[in-house]
Amino acid sequence: MSTPSPDMLTLTVEGIVTDIAKKANRCFAYYLRSFHSQSTAYLGRVNSMSHDVQQYGSNPEEMTSAVKQSLESIYREHFDQVTIAVRTKRVSEYRPEYTLVISGTLSDGKNQFNLNKVLNFENGILADINEENNQNG
């Protein structure tokens, strides 16, 4: 297991990101934007929402497990302590809609960040994301 990086390097004008909330939200954005196999160097080892939805989008229970594993893997690269919980809420028994509720705590040794995201799926497709983030320093 590698040691978490205290800072996040970016290829933007921001350069190095040290703010815990920005790091947490960037990690989540990378998960949403990434493709499973973006390069030959990391072939098949890139965690991505698109891959998880493609593989498990029609099965909420498997999707829950896949999202939890992917997010834990991503966040462990940048945080000392990572606790992620993912649960499923069925919208309707008769319609292929469900909601994933993601909650967790991330710590970089000095600061703590509470992660709260709600992802709504319709017909196995991510339809909406809501979030409520707060920081406890």
C-alpha atoms as a PDB file:
ATOM      1  CA  MET A   1       0.000   0.000   0.000  1.00  0.00           C
ATOM      2  CA  SER A   2       1.379   3.388  -0.966  1.00  0.00           C
ATOM      3  CA  THR A   3       1.639   6.390   1.327  1.00  0.00           C
ATOM      4  CA  PRO A   4      -1.058   8.990   0.616  1.00  0.00           C
ATOM      5  CA  SER A   5       0.097  12.180  -1.042  1.00  0.00           C
ATOM      6  CA  PRO A   6      -0.662  15.208   1.171  1.00  0.00           C
ATOM      7  CA  ASP A   7      -1.028  17.412  -1.887  1.00  0.00           C
ATOM      8  CA  MET A   8      -2.761  16.851  -5.201  1.00  0.00           C
ATOM      9  CA  LEU A   9      -0.881  17.854  -8.320  1.00  0.00           C
ATOM     10  CA  THR A  10      -3.028  19.165 -11.164  1.00  0.00           C
ATOM     11  CA  LEU A  11      -2.397  20.296 -14.706  1.00  0.00           C
ATOM     12  CA  THR A  12      -4.440  23.443 -14.162  1.00  0.00           C
ATOM     13  CA  VAL A  13      -3.464  26.970 -13.198  1.00  0.00           C
ATOM     14  CA  GLU A  14      -4.217  25.926  -9.621  1.00  0.00           C
ATOM     15  CA  GLY A  15      -1.142  23.691  -9.683  1.00  0.00           C
ATOM     16  CA  ILE A  16      -0.973  22.006  -6.275  1.00  0.00           C
ATOM     17  CA  VAL A  17      -4.200  21.506  -4.341  1.00  0.00           C
ATOM     18  CA  THR A  18      -3.844  21.297  -0.558  1.00  0.00           C
ATOM     19  CA  ASP A  19      -7.375  22.245   0.575  1.00  0.00           C
ATOM     20  CA  ILE A  20      -9.109  19.089   1.826  1.00  0.00           C
ATOM     21  CA  ALA A  21     -12.534  19.959   0.362  1.00  0.00           C
ATOM     22  CA  LYS A  22     -11.058  20.721  -3.064  1.00  0.00           C
ATOM     23  CA  LYS A  23      -9.045  17.476  -3.017  1.00  0.00           C
ATOM     24  CA  ALA A  24     -12.120  15.439  -2.051  1.00  0.00           C
ATOM     25  CA  ASN A  25     -14.284  17.017  -4.731  1.00  0.00           C
ATOM     26  CA  ARG A  26     -11.569  16.698  -7.391  1.00  0.00           C
ATOM     27  CA  CYS A  27     -11.190  13.003  -6.602  1.00  0.00           C
ATOM     28  CA  PHE A  28     -14.933  12.524  -7.001  1.00  0.00           C
ATOM     29  CA  ALA A  29     -14.925  14.497 -10.264  1.00  0.00           C
ATOM     30  CA  TYR A  30     -12.062  12.357 -11.586  1.00  0.00           C
ATOM     31  CA  TYR A  31     -14.103   9.249 -10.767  1.00  0.00           C
ATOM     32  CA  LEU A  32     -17.064  10.659 -12.710  1.00  0.00           C
ATOM     33  CA  ARG A  33     -14.980  11.750 -15.719  1.00  0.00           C
ATOM     34  CA  SER A  34     -12.477   8.910 -16.047  1.00  0.00           C
ATOM     35  CA  PHE A  35     -12.680   6.015 -18.442  1.00  0.00           C
ATOM     36  CA  HIS A  36     -11.785   2.533 -17.238  1.00  0.00           C
ATOM     37  CA  SER A  37      -8.745   2.144 -19.519  1.00  0.00           C
ATOM     38  CA  GLN A  38      -7.325   5.573 -20.222  1.00  0.00           C
ATOM     39  CA  SER A  39      -3.778   4.466 -20.977  1.00  0.00           C
ATOM     40  CA  THR A  40      -1.737   1.366 -21.600  1.00  0.00           C
ATOM     41  CA  ALA A  41       0.264   2.061 -18.429  1.00  0.00           C
ATOM     42  CA  TYR A  42      -2.837   1.639 -16.247  1.00  0.00           C
ATOM     43  CA  LEU A  43      -4.888  -0.591 -18.546  1.00  0.00           C
ATOM     44  CA  GLY A  44      -7.993  -1.739 -16.704  1.00  0.00           C
ATOM     45  CA  ARG A  45      -6.904  -0.199 -13.398  1.00  0.00           C
ATOM     46  CA  VAL A  46      -8.497   3.222 -13.659  1.00  0.00           C
ATOM     47  CA  ASN A  47     -11.531   3.529 -11.378  1.00  0.00           C
ATOM     48  CA  SER A  48     -14.422   5.135 -13.198  1.00  0.00           C
ATOM     49  CA  MET A  49     -18.126   5.711 -12.793  1.00  0.00           C
ATOM     50  CA  SER A  50     -18.689   4.920 -16.473  1.00  0.00           C
ATOM     51  CA  HIS A  51     -17.183   1.449 -16.007  1.00  0.00           C
ATOM     52  CA  ASP A  52     -19.113   0.783 -12.808  1.00  0.00           C
ATOM     53  CA  VAL A  53     -22.383   1.862 -14.461  1.00  0.00           C
ATOM     54  CA  GLN A  54     -21.643  -0.183 -17.590  1.00  0.00           C
ATOM     55  CA  GLN A  55     -20.887  -3.304 -15.548  1.00  0.00           C
ATOM     56  CA  TYR A  56     -23.379  -2.979 -12.684  1.00  0.00           C
ATOM     57  CA  GLY A  57     -25.876  -0.223 -13.565  1.00  0.00           C
ATOM     58  CA  SER A  58     -28.818  -2.595 -13.805  1.00  0.00           C
ATOM     59  CA  ASN A  59     -28.039  -4.245 -10.453  1.00  0.00           C
ATOM     60  CA  PRO A  60     -28.183  -1.726  -7.582  1.00  0.00           C
ATOM     61  CA  GLU A  61     -26.672  -4.114  -5.025  1.00  0.00           C
ATOM     62  CA  GLU A  62     -23.582  -4.859  -7.151  1.00  0.00           C
ATOM     63  CA  MET A  63     -23.369  -1.190  -8.097  1.00  0.00           C
ATOM     64  CA  THR A  64     -23.221  -0.291  -4.392  1.00  0.00           C
ATOM     65  CA  SER A  65     -20.228  -2.547  -3.832  1.00  0.00           C
ATOM     66  CA  ALA A  66     -18.413  -1.419  -6.996  1.00  0.00           C
ATOM     67  CA  VAL A  67     -18.817   2.295  -6.205  1.00  0.00           C
ATOM     68  CA  LYS A  68     -17.580   1.776  -2.640  1.00  0.00           C
ATOM     69  CA  GLN A  69     -14.472  -0.092  -3.811  1.00  0.00           C
ATOM     70  CA  SER A  70     -13.703   2.452  -6.541  1.00  0.00           C
ATOM     71  CA  LEU A  71     -14.049   5.471  -4.268  1.00  0.00           C
ATOM     72  CA  GLU A  72     -11.989   3.900  -1.488  1.00  0.00           C
ATOM     73  CA  SER A  73      -9.224   3.176  -3.976  1.00  0.00           C
ATOM     74  CA  ILE A  74      -9.225   6.733  -5.325  1.00  0.00           C
ATOM     75  CA  TYR A  75      -9.405   8.468  -1.953  1.00  0.00           C
ATOM     76  CA  ARG A  76      -6.672   6.333  -0.377  1.00  0.00           C
ATOM     77  CA  GLU A  77      -4.225   7.887  -2.821  1.00  0.00           C
ATOM     78  CA  HIS A  78      -4.742  11.316  -1.238  1.00  0.00           C
ATOM     79  CA  PHE A  79      -6.001  10.826   2.328  1.00  0.00           C
ATOM     80  CA  ASP A  80      -4.602   9.134   5.448  1.00  0.00           C
ATOM     81  CA  GLN A  81      -7.959   7.847   6.662  1.00  0.00           C
ATOM     82  CA  VAL A  82     -10.854   6.917   4.402  1.00  0.00           C
ATOM     83  CA  THR A  83     -14.258   5.657   5.523  1.00  0.00           C
ATOM     84  CA  ILE A  84     -16.840   5.267   2.766  1.00  0.00           C
ATOM     85  CA  ALA A  85     -20.374   3.889   3.000  1.00  0.00           C
ATOM     86  CA  VAL A  86     -22.669   3.394   0.032  1.00  0.00           C
ATOM     87  CA  ARG A  87     -26.298   2.370   0.315  1.00  0.00           C
ATOM     88  CA  THR A  88     -29.094   1.870  -2.169  1.00  0.00           C
ATOM     89  CA  LYS A  89     -32.579   3.304  -2.022  1.00  0.00           C
ATOM     90  CA  ARG A  90     -35.160   1.956  -4.456  1.00  0.00           C
ATOM     91  CA  VAL A  91     -37.316   4.704  -5.929  1.00  0.00           C
ATOM     92  CA  SER A  92     -40.021   2.335  -7.111  1.00  0.00           C
ATOM     93  CA  GLU A  93     -40.554  -1.401  -7.070  1.00  0.00           C
ATOM     94  CA  TYR A  94     -41.966  -1.231 -10.601  1.00  0.00           C
ATOM     95  CA  ARG A  95     -39.490   1.131 -12.283  1.00  0.00           C
ATOM     96  CA  PRO A  96     -35.746   0.648 -12.891  1.00  0.00           C
ATOM     97  CA  GLU A  97     -34.806   3.657 -10.782  1.00  0.00           C
ATOM     98  CA  TYR A  98     -32.666   3.785  -7.673  1.00  0.00           C
ATOM     99  CA  THR A  99     -30.542   6.154  -5.655  1.00  0.00           C
ATOM    100  CA  LEU A 100     -27.047   5.597  -4.313  1.00  0.00           C
ATOM    101  CA  VAL A 101     -26.300   7.490  -1.128  1.00  0.00           C
ATOM    102  CA  ILE A 102     -22.569   7.929  -0.579  1.00  0.00           C
ATOM    103  CA  SER A 103     -21.295   9.114   2.769  1.00  0.00           C
ATOM    104  CA  GLY A 104     -17.927   9.060   4.361  1.00  0.00           C
ATOM    105  CA  THR A 105     -15.155  10.743   6.238  1.00  0.00           C
ATOM    106  CA  LEU A 106     -11.797  11.684   4.767  1.00  0.00           C
ATOM    107  CA  SER A 107      -8.826  12.844   6.804  1.00  0.00           C
ATOM    108  CA  ASP A 108      -5.434  14.161   5.739  1.00  0.00           C
ATOM    109  CA  GLY A 109      -3.922  14.051   9.213  1.00  0.00           C
ATOM    110  CA  LYS A 110      -4.813  17.661  10.034  1.00  0.00           C
ATOM    111  CA  ASN A 111      -8.294  18.166   8.663  1.00  0.00           C
ATOM    112  CA  GLN A 112     -11.401  16.078   8.258  1.00  0.00           C
ATOM    113  CA  PHE A 113     -13.957  16.236   5.443  1.00  0.00           C
ATOM    114  CA  ASN A 114     -17.446  14.716   5.481  1.00  0.00           C
ATOM    115  CA  LEU A 115     -18.483  13.431   2.085  1.00  0.00           C
ATOM    116  CA  ASN A 116     -22.204  13.244   1.255  1.00  0.00           C
ATOM    117  CA  LYS A 117     -23.346  12.576  -2.317  1.00  0.00           C
ATOM    118  CA  VAL A 118     -26.656  11.350  -3.698  1.00  0.00           C
ATOM    119  CA  LEU A 119     -26.621   9.777  -7.164  1.00  0.00           C
ATOM    120  CA  ASN A 120     -29.922   9.100  -8.919  1.00  0.00           C
ATOM    121  CA  PHE A 121     -30.084   6.404 -11.600  1.00  0.00           C
ATOM    122  CA  GLU A 122     -32.809   5.829 -14.167  1.00  0.00           C
ATOM    123  CA  ASN A 123     -32.691   2.765 -16.426  1.00  0.00           C
ATOM    124  CA  GLY A 124     -29.104   2.107 -15.334  1.00  0.00           C
ATOM    125  CA  ILE A 125     -27.952   5.611 -16.306  1.00  0.00           C
ATOM    126  CA  LEU A 126     -26.697   8.291 -13.925  1.00  0.00           C
ATOM    127  CA  ALA A 127     -29.405  10.935 -14.161  1.00  0.00           C
ATOM    128  CA  ASP A 128     -28.658  13.366 -11.323  1.00  0.00           C
ATOM    129  CA  ILE A 129     -26.110  14.147  -8.610  1.00  0.00           C
ATOM    130  CA  ASN A 130     -26.873  16.063  -5.443  1.00  0.00           C
ATOM    131  CA  GLU A 131     -24.382  16.853  -2.758  1.00  0.00           C
ATOM    132  CA  GLU A 132     -24.139  18.237   0.704  1.00  0.00           C
ATOM    133  CA  ASN A 133     -20.533  18.716   1.766  1.00  0.00           C
ATOM    134  CA  ASN A 134     -19.150  20.144   4.936  1.00  0.00           C
ATOM    135  CA  GLN A 135     -15.721  20.465   6.430  1.00  0.00           C
ATOM    136  CA  ASN A 136     -14.689  19.934  10.005  1.00  0.00           C
ATOM    137  CA  GLY A 137     -11.252  21.309  10.663  1.00  0.00           C
END
